[in-house]
Amino acid sequence: MDQYGPYAARISHERAEAADGIGDLLSADAWRDIAQAIELLQTSYYKIETRRSTPRPGERVEPMLRVVS
């Protein structure tokens, strides 16, 4: 997660598919487990918040990422 950030789970899924494609079922299962763990960690520790729930007309609300413990 440190190296690939929000793309870590997707990359792990891609590696699982690549391993599956060459018949390496053990590695494919391991990469799927890793992807699931990353997804769980990301939903547990990261939360998308907005500055204001109802923006003013013409105001662009940008999401903020913050660590939630």
Protein backbone atom coordinates (compact mmCIF):
# COMPACT_ATOMS: atom_id res chain seq x y z
CA MET A 1 0.00 0.00 0.00
CA ASP A 2 2.87 2.35 0.70
CA GLN A 3 4.31 1.91 -2.76
CA TYR A 4 1.14 1.89 -4.88
CA GLY A 5 -1.29 3.83 -2.69
CA PRO A 6 -4.91 3.69 -3.85
CA TYR A 7 -3.93 1.46 -6.79
CA ALA A 8 -2.50 -1.34 -4.63
CA ALA A 9 -5.63 -3.50 -4.66
CA ARG A 10 -6.11 -3.12 -8.41
CA ILE A 11 -2.47 -4.03 -9.07
CA SER A 12 -2.81 -7.09 -6.82
CA HIS A 13 -5.92 -8.16 -8.75
CA GLU A 14 -3.99 -7.73 -12.02
CA ARG A 15 -1.15 -9.88 -10.70
CA ALA A 16 -3.67 -12.53 -9.65
CA GLU A 17 -5.09 -12.59 -13.16
CA ALA A 18 -1.60 -12.78 -14.67
CA ALA A 19 -0.69 -15.71 -12.43
CA ASP A 20 -3.99 -17.39 -13.26
CA GLY A 21 -3.28 -16.86 -16.95
CA ILE A 22 -0.05 -18.84 -16.77
CA GLY A 23 -1.61 -21.58 -14.67
CA ASP A 24 0.02 -20.62 -11.36
CA LEU A 25 -3.09 -21.13 -9.24
CA LEU A 26 -1.27 -20.94 -5.91
CA SER A 27 0.16 -17.49 -6.69
CA ALA A 28 -3.18 -16.35 -8.12
CA ASP A 29 -4.95 -17.29 -4.88
CA ALA A 30 -2.26 -15.56 -2.84
CA TRP A 31 -2.57 -12.34 -4.89
CA ARG A 32 -6.37 -12.44 -4.49
CA ASP A 33 -5.95 -12.79 -0.72
CA ILE A 34 -3.53 -9.86 -0.73
CA ALA A 35 -5.97 -7.74 -2.76
CA GLN A 36 -8.80 -8.53 -0.33
CA ALA A 37 -6.61 -7.60 2.63
CA ILE A 38 -5.65 -4.31 0.99
CA GLU A 39 -9.30 -3.49 0.27
CA LEU A 40 -10.19 -4.23 3.89
CA LEU A 41 -7.37 -2.04 5.18
CA GLN A 42 -8.27 0.80 2.85
CA THR A 43 -11.92 0.80 3.91
CA SER A 44 -10.92 0.54 7.57
CA TYR A 45 -8.34 3.30 7.65
CA TYR A 46 -9.30 5.75 4.95
CA LYS A 47 -12.44 7.79 4.70
CA ILE A 48 -13.43 10.26 2.04
CA GLU A 49 -14.93 13.40 3.51
CA THR A 50 -16.19 16.57 2.01
CA ARG A 51 -15.72 20.02 3.44
CA ARG A 52 -19.41 20.77 3.44
CA SER A 53 -22.30 18.39 2.82
CA THR A 54 -24.30 20.98 0.87
CA PRO A 55 -22.16 23.16 -1.41
CA ARG A 56 -23.10 26.71 -2.19
CA PRO A 57 -24.22 27.41 -5.76
CA GLY A 58 -21.16 27.39 -8.03
CA GLU A 59 -18.90 26.04 -5.29
CA ARG A 60 -16.80 22.99 -6.08
CA VAL A 61 -16.55 20.58 -3.17
CA GLU A 62 -13.29 18.65 -3.18
CA PRO A 63 -12.94 15.41 -1.23
CA MET A 64 -10.32 15.24 1.49
CA LEU A 65 -8.58 12.05 2.48
CA ARG A 66 -7.87 11.57 6.12
CA VAL A 67 -6.72 8.69 8.26
CA VAL A 68 -9.39 7.39 10.62
CA SER A 69 -8.34 5.22 13.53
